[in-house]
């Protein structure tokens, strides 16, 4: 199974993706990690454009064809990137769940953005203004939305697990 987690920075994507991967015994594939490794290699500098995503698609496909569940986590701001993730799942013949993580409380979201630190060496985190100014296309199809505002990470995980369970029982190949 492929579970694609997207959303603006500081909404809780990484925390949720890690918890879900641990719960499911899945591979957590993080585009920030891929992109920063490319930058550290000295072969490229930010902005990388689609490079990190293209590497992520290839890695996800390999893991899925190897029988592993993949949690692919990135901002995923454009419809073209969301479509590409779905294509990865289709080509690997696995169901794909699309998840958008939001933080509906702007005060809480801003606090997260201004108080967080990174675990990826040399990764520059966007400031609040960069987050709110970021190009982020609305999702144009049904998908799972997890609002992390006012919830613990475990609460958000439980909401996501229920949504994934409900989608699976509906017998769909793609969760919406």
N, C-alpha and C. Protein backbone atom coordinates (compact mmCIF):
# COMPACT_ATOMS: atom_id res chain seq x y z
N UNK A 1 0.84 -1.18 0.00
CA UNK A 1 0.00 0.00 0.00
C UNK A 1 0.89 1.24 0.00
N UNK A 2 0.45 2.27 -0.70
CA UNK A 2 1.12 3.56 -0.71
C UNK A 2 0.23 4.58 -0.01
N UNK A 3 0.77 5.24 0.99
CA UNK A 3 0.05 6.30 1.69
C UNK A 3 0.84 7.58 1.47
N UNK A 4 0.22 8.52 0.77
CA UNK A 4 0.87 9.79 0.43
C UNK A 4 0.36 10.84 1.40
N UNK A 5 1.30 11.44 2.14
CA UNK A 5 0.95 12.46 3.13
C UNK A 5 1.52 13.79 2.66
N UNK A 6 0.63 14.78 2.50
CA UNK A 6 1.04 16.11 2.08
C UNK A 6 0.45 17.17 2.98
N UNK A 7 0.90 18.39 2.78
CA UNK A 7 0.39 19.52 3.55
C UNK A 7 1.47 20.56 3.74
N UNK A 8 1.07 21.74 4.13
CA UNK A 8 2.02 22.82 4.34
C UNK A 8 3.01 22.48 5.45
N UNK A 9 4.18 23.12 5.44
CA UNK A 9 5.14 22.92 6.53
C UNK A 9 4.51 23.26 7.88
N UNK A 10 4.94 22.55 8.90
CA UNK A 10 4.56 22.78 10.31
C UNK A 10 3.12 22.38 10.64
N UNK A 11 2.51 21.54 9.81
CA UNK A 11 1.17 21.05 10.13
C UNK A 11 1.20 19.75 10.92
N UNK A 12 2.35 19.08 10.95
CA UNK A 12 2.48 17.82 11.68
C UNK A 12 2.67 16.61 10.78
N UNK A 13 3.01 16.82 9.52
CA UNK A 13 3.16 15.72 8.56
C UNK A 13 4.21 14.71 8.99
N UNK A 14 5.39 15.19 9.33
CA UNK A 14 6.49 14.28 9.67
C UNK A 14 6.17 13.48 10.91
N UNK A 15 5.66 14.13 11.93
CA UNK A 15 5.30 13.44 13.17
C UNK A 15 4.27 12.35 12.88
N UNK A 16 3.24 12.70 12.12
CA UNK A 16 2.19 11.74 11.79
C UNK A 16 2.73 10.61 10.92
N UNK A 17 3.54 10.94 9.93
CA UNK A 17 4.11 9.91 9.05
C UNK A 17 4.98 8.93 9.83
N UNK A 18 5.78 9.44 10.75
CA UNK A 18 6.63 8.56 11.57
C UNK A 18 5.79 7.63 12.44
N UNK A 19 4.77 8.19 13.08
CA UNK A 19 3.91 7.36 13.92
C UNK A 19 3.20 6.29 13.10
N UNK A 20 2.71 6.67 11.92
CA UNK A 20 2.00 5.72 11.07
C UNK A 20 2.95 4.63 10.57
N UNK A 21 4.15 5.02 10.16
CA UNK A 21 5.12 4.04 9.68
C UNK A 21 5.49 3.05 10.79
N UNK A 22 5.67 3.56 11.99
CA UNK A 22 5.98 2.68 13.13
C UNK A 22 4.81 1.73 13.41
N UNK A 23 3.61 2.27 13.41
CA UNK A 23 2.42 1.46 13.68
C UNK A 23 2.24 0.36 12.63
N UNK A 24 2.48 0.69 11.37
CA UNK A 24 2.25 -0.25 10.28
C UNK A 24 3.47 -1.08 9.90
N UNK A 25 4.64 -0.76 10.45
CA UNK A 25 5.86 -1.42 10.01
C UNK A 25 6.18 -1.06 8.56
N UNK A 26 5.93 0.20 8.21
CA UNK A 26 6.09 0.66 6.83
C UNK A 26 7.37 1.48 6.67
N UNK A 27 7.75 1.70 5.42
CA UNK A 27 8.86 2.56 5.08
C UNK A 27 8.36 4.00 5.09
N UNK A 28 9.07 4.88 5.81
CA UNK A 28 8.76 6.31 5.79
C UNK A 28 9.72 6.96 4.82
N UNK A 29 9.20 7.43 3.70
CA UNK A 29 10.00 8.06 2.67
C UNK A 29 9.73 9.57 2.74
N UNK A 30 10.74 10.33 3.13
CA UNK A 30 10.60 11.76 3.38
C UNK A 30 11.35 12.56 2.32
N UNK A 31 10.65 13.36 1.56
CA UNK A 31 11.27 14.13 0.48
C UNK A 31 12.28 15.12 1.01
N UNK A 32 12.06 15.74 2.16
CA UNK A 32 13.05 16.65 2.74
C UNK A 32 14.40 15.95 2.93
N UNK A 33 14.39 14.71 3.38
CA UNK A 33 15.61 13.96 3.59
C UNK A 33 16.33 13.72 2.27
N UNK A 34 15.56 13.33 1.26
CA UNK A 34 16.14 13.08 -0.07
C UNK A 34 16.75 14.37 -0.63
N UNK A 35 15.99 15.45 -0.58
CA UNK A 35 16.47 16.71 -1.15
C UNK A 35 17.73 17.22 -0.43
N UNK A 36 17.73 17.14 0.89
CA UNK A 36 18.89 17.63 1.62
C UNK A 36 20.11 16.75 1.38
N UNK A 37 19.93 15.45 1.18
CA UNK A 37 21.05 14.57 0.85
C UNK A 37 21.64 14.95 -0.51
N UNK A 38 20.80 15.30 -1.46
CA UNK A 38 21.27 15.73 -2.77
C UNK A 38 22.08 17.03 -2.64
N UNK A 39 21.59 17.96 -1.84
CA UNK A 39 22.30 19.22 -1.62
C UNK A 39 23.65 18.96 -0.94
N UNK A 40 23.66 18.12 0.10
CA UNK A 40 24.91 17.80 0.82
C UNK A 40 25.92 17.11 -0.08
N UNK A 41 25.45 16.42 -1.12
CA UNK A 41 26.38 15.74 -2.03
C UNK A 41 27.22 16.72 -2.82
N UNK A 42 26.77 17.96 -2.90
CA UNK A 42 27.48 18.97 -3.66
C UNK A 42 27.11 19.00 -5.13
N UNK A 43 26.22 18.12 -5.55
CA UNK A 43 25.85 18.04 -6.96
C UNK A 43 24.77 19.04 -7.35
N UNK A 44 24.09 19.62 -6.35
CA UNK A 44 23.01 20.55 -6.64
C UNK A 44 22.80 21.45 -5.43
N UNK A 45 22.04 22.51 -5.63
CA UNK A 45 21.68 23.40 -4.54
C UNK A 45 20.19 23.70 -4.62
N UNK A 46 19.66 24.23 -3.53
CA UNK A 46 18.23 24.58 -3.50
C UNK A 46 18.00 25.81 -4.36
N UNK A 47 16.90 25.94 -5.03
CA UNK A 47 15.81 24.96 -5.11
C UNK A 47 16.12 23.87 -6.13
N UNK A 48 15.74 22.66 -5.81
CA UNK A 48 16.03 21.50 -6.65
C UNK A 48 14.98 21.25 -7.72
N UNK A 49 13.84 21.94 -7.64
CA UNK A 49 12.78 21.64 -8.59
C UNK A 49 12.23 20.26 -8.32
N UNK A 50 11.95 19.48 -9.35
CA UNK A 50 11.31 18.17 -9.16
C UNK A 50 12.27 17.05 -8.75
N UNK A 51 13.56 17.32 -8.64
CA UNK A 51 14.55 16.26 -8.43
C UNK A 51 14.24 15.35 -7.24
N UNK A 52 13.99 15.93 -6.08
CA UNK A 52 13.73 15.12 -4.88
C UNK A 52 12.50 14.26 -5.04
N UNK A 53 11.46 14.81 -5.66
CA UNK A 53 10.24 14.06 -5.88
C UNK A 53 10.48 12.90 -6.85
N UNK A 54 11.23 13.14 -7.91
CA UNK A 54 11.49 12.09 -8.90
C UNK A 54 12.26 10.94 -8.25
N UNK A 55 13.24 11.27 -7.41
CA UNK A 55 13.96 10.23 -6.67
C UNK A 55 12.99 9.51 -5.74
N UNK A 56 12.13 10.26 -5.06
CA UNK A 56 11.15 9.66 -4.15
C UNK A 56 10.21 8.71 -4.87
N UNK A 57 9.73 9.10 -6.05
CA UNK A 57 8.84 8.22 -6.81
C UNK A 57 9.54 6.90 -7.12
N UNK A 58 10.81 6.99 -7.53
CA UNK A 58 11.55 5.77 -7.89
C UNK A 58 11.75 4.88 -6.67
N UNK A 59 12.14 5.47 -5.55
CA UNK A 59 12.34 4.67 -4.33
C UNK A 59 11.03 4.05 -3.86
N UNK A 60 9.95 4.83 -3.89
CA UNK A 60 8.66 4.29 -3.47
C UNK A 60 8.26 3.11 -4.34
N UNK A 61 8.43 3.26 -5.65
CA UNK A 61 8.09 2.16 -6.56
C UNK A 61 8.87 0.91 -6.26
N UNK A 62 10.18 1.06 -6.01
CA UNK A 62 11.00 -0.11 -5.67
C UNK A 62 10.51 -0.78 -4.39
N UNK A 63 10.24 0.00 -3.37
CA UNK A 63 9.78 -0.56 -2.09
C UNK A 63 8.41 -1.23 -2.24
N UNK A 64 7.52 -0.61 -2.99
CA UNK A 64 6.18 -1.19 -3.19
C UNK A 64 6.27 -2.50 -3.96
N UNK A 65 7.08 -2.53 -5.00
CA UNK A 65 7.24 -3.78 -5.77
C UNK A 65 7.91 -4.87 -4.94
N UNK A 66 8.63 -4.44 -3.91
CA UNK A 66 9.24 -5.38 -2.98
C UNK A 66 8.30 -5.85 -1.90
N UNK A 67 7.04 -5.42 -1.96
CA UNK A 67 6.04 -5.88 -1.01
C UNK A 67 5.93 -5.05 0.25
N UNK A 68 6.57 -3.90 0.29
CA UNK A 68 6.52 -3.05 1.48
C UNK A 68 5.45 -1.98 1.35
N UNK A 69 4.90 -1.58 2.47
CA UNK A 69 4.02 -0.42 2.53
C UNK A 69 4.90 0.82 2.63
N UNK A 70 4.55 1.86 1.88
CA UNK A 70 5.33 3.09 1.87
C UNK A 70 4.47 4.26 2.33
N UNK A 71 5.02 5.05 3.25
CA UNK A 71 4.43 6.31 3.67
C UNK A 71 5.30 7.38 3.01
N UNK A 72 4.79 8.02 1.97
CA UNK A 72 5.53 9.06 1.25
C UNK A 72 5.09 10.41 1.77
N UNK A 73 6.03 11.15 2.37
CA UNK A 73 5.68 12.41 3.03
C UNK A 73 6.43 13.57 2.41
N UNK A 74 5.66 14.59 2.03
CA UNK A 74 6.23 15.81 1.44
C UNK A 74 5.16 16.89 1.48
N UNK A 75 5.54 18.11 1.16
CA UNK A 75 4.53 19.17 1.09
C UNK A 75 3.51 18.82 0.01
N UNK A 76 3.99 18.28 -1.11
CA UNK A 76 3.10 17.82 -2.18
C UNK A 76 2.15 18.94 -2.60
N UNK A 77 2.69 20.11 -2.97
CA UNK A 77 1.86 21.30 -3.15
C UNK A 77 1.12 21.40 -4.49
N UNK A 78 1.48 20.57 -5.43
CA UNK A 78 0.93 20.71 -6.79
C UNK A 78 0.15 19.47 -7.20
N UNK A 79 -0.88 19.68 -7.99
CA UNK A 79 -1.67 18.55 -8.50
C UNK A 79 -0.78 17.58 -9.28
N UNK A 80 0.20 18.09 -10.01
CA UNK A 80 1.06 17.21 -10.80
C UNK A 80 1.86 16.25 -9.91
N UNK A 81 2.28 16.71 -8.72
CA UNK A 81 3.00 15.80 -7.82
C UNK A 81 2.05 14.78 -7.21
N UNK A 82 0.84 15.19 -6.92
CA UNK A 82 -0.14 14.25 -6.36
C UNK A 82 -0.51 13.19 -7.39
N UNK A 83 -0.66 13.62 -8.64
CA UNK A 83 -0.95 12.66 -9.72
C UNK A 83 0.21 11.69 -9.89
N UNK A 84 1.42 12.19 -9.79
CA UNK A 84 2.59 11.32 -9.96
C UNK A 84 2.66 10.26 -8.86
N UNK A 85 2.34 10.64 -7.62
CA UNK A 85 2.31 9.64 -6.53
C UNK A 85 1.26 8.57 -6.83
N UNK A 86 0.09 8.99 -7.28
CA UNK A 86 -0.95 8.00 -7.61
C UNK A 86 -0.48 7.07 -8.71
N UNK A 87 0.23 7.61 -9.69
CA UNK A 87 0.77 6.79 -10.77
C UNK A 87 1.75 5.74 -10.23
N UNK A 88 2.55 6.12 -9.23
CA UNK A 88 3.49 5.17 -8.62
C UNK A 88 2.71 3.99 -8.04
N UNK A 89 1.64 4.27 -7.30
CA UNK A 89 0.82 3.21 -6.72
C UNK A 89 0.17 2.35 -7.79
N UNK A 90 -0.36 2.99 -8.83
CA UNK A 90 -1.00 2.25 -9.92
C UNK A 90 -0.01 1.33 -10.61
N UNK A 91 1.18 1.86 -10.92
CA UNK A 91 2.20 1.05 -11.60
C UNK A 91 2.68 -0.11 -10.75
N UNK A 92 2.65 0.06 -9.42
CA UNK A 92 3.06 -1.02 -8.52
C UNK A 92 1.90 -1.94 -8.17
N UNK A 93 0.70 -1.63 -8.68
CA UNK A 93 -0.50 -2.45 -8.44
C UNK A 93 -0.86 -2.53 -6.96
N UNK A 94 -0.78 -1.37 -6.28
CA UNK A 94 -1.15 -1.32 -4.86
C UNK A 94 -2.17 -0.20 -4.65
N UNK A 95 -3.00 -0.32 -3.64
CA UNK A 95 -3.92 0.77 -3.32
C UNK A 95 -3.14 1.99 -2.83
N UNK A 96 -3.67 3.16 -3.13
CA UNK A 96 -3.04 4.42 -2.74
C UNK A 96 -4.03 5.25 -1.93
N UNK A 97 -3.60 5.68 -0.77
CA UNK A 97 -4.39 6.59 0.05
C UNK A 97 -3.71 7.96 0.02
N UNK A 98 -4.51 8.99 -0.21
CA UNK A 98 -3.99 10.36 -0.23
C UNK A 98 -4.46 11.08 1.02
N UNK A 99 -3.52 11.68 1.74
CA UNK A 99 -3.81 12.32 3.02
C UNK A 99 -3.25 13.74 3.00
N UNK A 100 -4.11 14.69 3.33
CA UNK A 100 -3.66 16.07 3.49
C UNK A 100 -3.71 16.40 4.98
N UNK A 101 -2.58 16.84 5.51
CA UNK A 101 -2.51 17.23 6.92
C UNK A 101 -2.60 18.75 6.98
N UNK A 102 -3.55 19.23 7.78
CA UNK A 102 -3.72 20.66 7.95
C UNK A 102 -3.67 21.00 9.44
N UNK A 103 -3.46 22.26 9.73
CA UNK A 103 -3.61 22.79 11.08
C UNK A 103 -4.53 23.99 10.94
N UNK A 104 -5.79 23.82 11.27
CA UNK A 104 -6.80 24.84 11.01
C UNK A 104 -6.72 26.04 11.96
N UNK A 105 -5.94 25.94 13.01
CA UNK A 105 -5.78 27.04 13.95
C UNK A 105 -4.52 27.81 13.58
N UNK A 106 -4.67 29.01 12.98
CA UNK A 106 -3.48 29.74 12.53
C UNK A 106 -2.52 30.13 13.65
N UNK A 107 -3.03 30.33 14.84
CA UNK A 107 -2.15 30.66 15.97
C UNK A 107 -1.29 29.45 16.33
N UNK A 108 -1.92 28.29 16.41
CA UNK A 108 -1.17 27.07 16.70
C UNK A 108 -0.19 26.75 15.56
N UNK A 109 -0.64 26.91 14.32
CA UNK A 109 0.22 26.64 13.17
C UNK A 109 1.45 27.55 13.21
N UNK A 110 1.22 28.83 13.44
CA UNK A 110 2.35 29.78 13.50
C UNK A 110 3.30 29.42 14.63
N UNK A 111 2.74 29.06 15.79
CA UNK A 111 3.60 28.66 16.91
C UNK A 111 4.47 27.46 16.54
N UNK A 112 3.87 26.48 15.90
CA UNK A 112 4.65 25.32 15.47
C UNK A 112 5.77 25.73 14.52
N UNK A 113 5.42 26.59 13.56
CA UNK A 113 6.39 27.02 12.55
C UNK A 113 7.56 27.79 13.17
N UNK A 114 7.28 28.57 14.20
CA UNK A 114 8.33 29.40 14.78
C UNK A 114 9.08 28.74 15.93
N UNK A 115 8.61 27.58 16.39
CA UNK A 115 9.25 26.95 17.55
C UNK A 115 9.87 25.59 17.22
N UNK A 116 9.74 25.13 16.01
CA UNK A 116 10.23 23.79 15.69
C UNK A 116 11.71 23.82 15.31
N UNK A 117 12.30 22.65 15.37
CA UNK A 117 13.68 22.48 14.92
C UNK A 117 13.68 21.31 13.95
N UNK A 118 14.79 21.16 13.23
CA UNK A 118 14.87 20.10 12.25
C UNK A 118 15.83 19.01 12.70
N UNK A 119 15.58 17.81 12.25
CA UNK A 119 16.48 16.70 12.53
C UNK A 119 17.31 16.34 11.30
N UNK A 120 17.22 17.15 10.25
CA UNK A 120 17.99 16.93 9.02
C UNK A 120 19.11 17.96 8.99
N UNK A 121 20.37 17.53 9.03
CA UNK A 121 21.48 18.49 9.05
C UNK A 121 21.41 19.50 7.91
N UNK A 122 21.59 20.76 8.26
CA UNK A 122 21.67 21.88 7.32
C UNK A 122 20.37 22.20 6.58
N UNK A 123 19.27 21.59 6.97
CA UNK A 123 18.00 21.90 6.33
C UNK A 123 17.49 23.24 6.85
N UNK A 124 17.22 24.16 5.95
CA UNK A 124 16.66 25.46 6.32
C UNK A 124 15.15 25.34 6.34
N UNK A 125 14.56 25.56 7.51
CA UNK A 125 13.11 25.51 7.64
C UNK A 125 12.50 26.85 7.21
N UNK A 126 11.38 26.81 6.51
CA UNK A 126 10.73 28.07 6.12
C UNK A 126 10.17 28.79 7.35
N UNK A 127 10.23 30.12 7.29
CA UNK A 127 9.62 30.89 8.37
C UNK A 127 8.12 31.01 8.10
N UNK A 128 7.40 31.63 9.03
CA UNK A 128 5.95 31.71 8.93
C UNK A 128 5.51 32.41 7.66
N UNK A 129 6.15 33.52 7.32
CA UNK A 129 5.77 34.25 6.11
C UNK A 129 5.97 33.39 4.86
N UNK A 130 7.06 32.65 4.81
CA UNK A 130 7.30 31.76 3.66
C UNK A 130 6.24 30.66 3.58
N UNK A 131 5.79 30.18 4.72
CA UNK A 131 4.76 29.14 4.73
C UNK A 131 3.45 29.69 4.19
N UNK A 132 3.03 30.87 4.67
CA UNK A 132 1.73 31.38 4.23
C UNK A 132 1.77 31.91 2.80
N UNK A 133 2.97 32.27 2.32
CA UNK A 133 3.10 32.75 0.94
C UNK A 133 3.35 31.62 -0.06
N UNK A 134 3.54 30.42 0.42
CA UNK A 134 3.91 29.30 -0.43
C UNK A 134 2.80 28.96 -1.43
N UNK A 135 3.20 28.65 -2.66
CA UNK A 135 2.24 28.17 -3.66
C UNK A 135 1.76 26.79 -3.20
N UNK A 136 0.46 26.65 -3.10
CA UNK A 136 -0.13 25.38 -2.64
C UNK A 136 -1.49 25.24 -3.30
N UNK A 137 -1.55 24.39 -4.31
CA UNK A 137 -2.80 24.21 -5.05
C UNK A 137 -3.81 23.42 -4.23
N UNK A 138 -5.07 23.82 -4.28
CA UNK A 138 -6.10 23.03 -3.58
C UNK A 138 -6.20 21.63 -4.20
N UNK A 139 -6.56 20.68 -3.37
CA UNK A 139 -6.74 19.30 -3.84
C UNK A 139 -8.01 19.26 -4.67
N UNK A 140 -7.96 18.59 -5.81
CA UNK A 140 -9.10 18.59 -6.74
C UNK A 140 -9.87 17.27 -6.74
N UNK A 141 -9.61 16.44 -5.77
CA UNK A 141 -10.35 15.17 -5.65
C UNK A 141 -10.49 14.84 -4.18
N UNK A 142 -11.38 13.91 -3.92
CA UNK A 142 -11.58 13.49 -2.54
C UNK A 142 -10.30 12.86 -2.00
N UNK A 143 -10.06 13.11 -0.73
CA UNK A 143 -8.89 12.57 -0.05
C UNK A 143 -9.14 12.65 1.45
N UNK A 144 -8.29 12.03 2.21
CA UNK A 144 -8.40 12.07 3.67
C UNK A 144 -7.78 13.39 4.15
N UNK A 145 -8.49 14.10 5.01
CA UNK A 145 -7.96 15.32 5.60
C UNK A 145 -7.83 15.09 7.11
N UNK A 146 -6.64 15.33 7.62
CA UNK A 146 -6.38 15.21 9.06
C UNK A 146 -6.04 16.60 9.58
N UNK A 147 -6.89 17.12 10.46
CA UNK A 147 -6.66 18.42 11.07
C UNK A 147 -5.99 18.17 12.42
N UNK A 148 -4.73 18.57 12.54
CA UNK A 148 -3.96 18.31 13.75
C UNK A 148 -4.14 19.38 14.82
N UNK A 149 -4.89 20.43 14.52
CA UNK A 149 -5.09 21.51 15.50
C UNK A 149 -5.79 20.97 16.74
N UNK A 150 -5.23 21.29 17.89
CA UNK A 150 -5.85 20.92 19.16
C UNK A 150 -5.84 19.43 19.46
N UNK A 151 -5.05 18.67 18.72
CA UNK A 151 -4.97 17.22 18.93
C UNK A 151 -3.54 16.82 19.27
N UNK A 152 -3.41 15.74 20.02
CA UNK A 152 -2.08 15.16 20.22
C UNK A 152 -1.73 14.39 18.95
N UNK A 153 -0.45 14.13 18.74
CA UNK A 153 -0.07 13.30 17.59
C UNK A 153 -0.76 11.93 17.60
N UNK A 154 -0.90 11.33 18.78
CA UNK A 154 -1.58 10.03 18.85
C UNK A 154 -3.05 10.15 18.47
N UNK A 155 -3.70 11.25 18.84
CA UNK A 155 -5.09 11.47 18.43
C UNK A 155 -5.18 11.55 16.90
N UNK A 156 -4.27 12.31 16.30
CA UNK A 156 -4.26 12.43 14.83
C UNK A 156 -4.01 11.09 14.18
N UNK A 157 -3.10 10.30 14.74
CA UNK A 157 -2.84 8.96 14.21
C UNK A 157 -4.09 8.11 14.26
N UNK A 158 -4.80 8.15 15.36
CA UNK A 158 -6.02 7.33 15.48
C UNK A 158 -7.09 7.75 14.48
N UNK A 159 -7.23 9.06 14.24
CA UNK A 159 -8.17 9.54 13.23
C UNK A 159 -7.77 9.00 11.86
N UNK A 160 -6.48 9.07 11.55
CA UNK A 160 -5.99 8.59 10.26
C UNK A 160 -6.18 7.08 10.12
N UNK A 161 -5.88 6.33 11.16
CA UNK A 161 -6.06 4.87 11.09
C UNK A 161 -7.52 4.51 10.85
N UNK A 162 -8.45 5.22 11.49
CA UNK A 162 -9.87 4.96 11.26
C UNK A 162 -10.25 5.28 9.81
N UNK A 163 -9.75 6.38 9.29
CA UNK A 163 -10.06 6.76 7.90
C UNK A 163 -9.49 5.73 6.92
N UNK A 164 -8.29 5.26 7.17
CA UNK A 164 -7.70 4.23 6.30
C UNK A 164 -8.50 2.93 6.39
N UNK A 165 -8.91 2.58 7.58
CA UNK A 165 -9.69 1.36 7.79
C UNK A 165 -11.03 1.46 7.06
N UNK A 166 -11.69 2.60 7.18
CA UNK A 166 -12.98 2.80 6.52
C UNK A 166 -12.84 2.71 5.01
N UNK A 167 -11.78 3.28 4.46
CA UNK A 167 -11.54 3.23 3.02
C UNK A 167 -11.29 1.81 2.54
N UNK A 168 -10.56 1.05 3.33
CA UNK A 168 -10.24 -0.33 2.96
C UNK A 168 -11.52 -1.17 2.92
N UNK A 169 -12.41 -0.92 3.87
CA UNK A 169 -13.64 -1.71 3.90
C UNK A 169 -14.60 -1.31 2.80
N UNK A 170 -14.40 -0.13 2.22
CA UNK A 170 -15.25 0.29 1.11
C UNK A 170 -14.83 -0.42 -0.17
N UNK A 171 -13.69 -1.13 -0.13
CA UNK A 171 -13.26 -1.92 -1.28
C UNK A 171 -12.70 -1.09 -2.41
N UNK A 172 -12.24 0.10 -2.12
CA UNK A 172 -11.72 0.96 -3.16
C UNK A 172 -10.24 0.66 -3.41
N UNK A 173 -9.80 0.88 -4.64
CA UNK A 173 -8.38 0.79 -4.94
C UNK A 173 -7.66 2.07 -4.56
N UNK A 174 -8.36 3.17 -4.59
CA UNK A 174 -7.79 4.46 -4.18
C UNK A 174 -8.68 5.04 -3.10
N UNK A 175 -8.06 5.39 -1.97
CA UNK A 175 -8.83 6.06 -0.93
C UNK A 175 -8.99 7.50 -1.35
N UNK A 176 -10.11 8.09 -0.96
CA UNK A 176 -10.33 9.50 -1.34
C UNK A 176 -10.67 10.32 -0.15
